[in-house]
Amino acid sequence: MDCPFCGGRMEECYLESNGFLYLTRMLHPVMGPAFASKGDKIARLNNRRDGTGIPVHICPSCRKVVFSY
């Protein structure tokens, strides 16, 4: 896959966590996204079936990350 930002070649890897990965509208540094309001959560990116992470593509040149949700 080519990077949509700089055109460089992207590498496939995984974004991992010890818990669920959430996509939210705001950062929740104290309580974490699991306690965010329902309206703030856009998506939970992984579930128990997926395990601890999701596949992503990274660009070593411009340091961007691309993933689907």
Foldseek 3Di string as FASTA:
>chain_A
DADPPPRHDWDKDKDFDPDWDWDFPDADVPPGPVPDDPVGTPDTPDDVVRPGTDMWIADPPVGDIDDDD
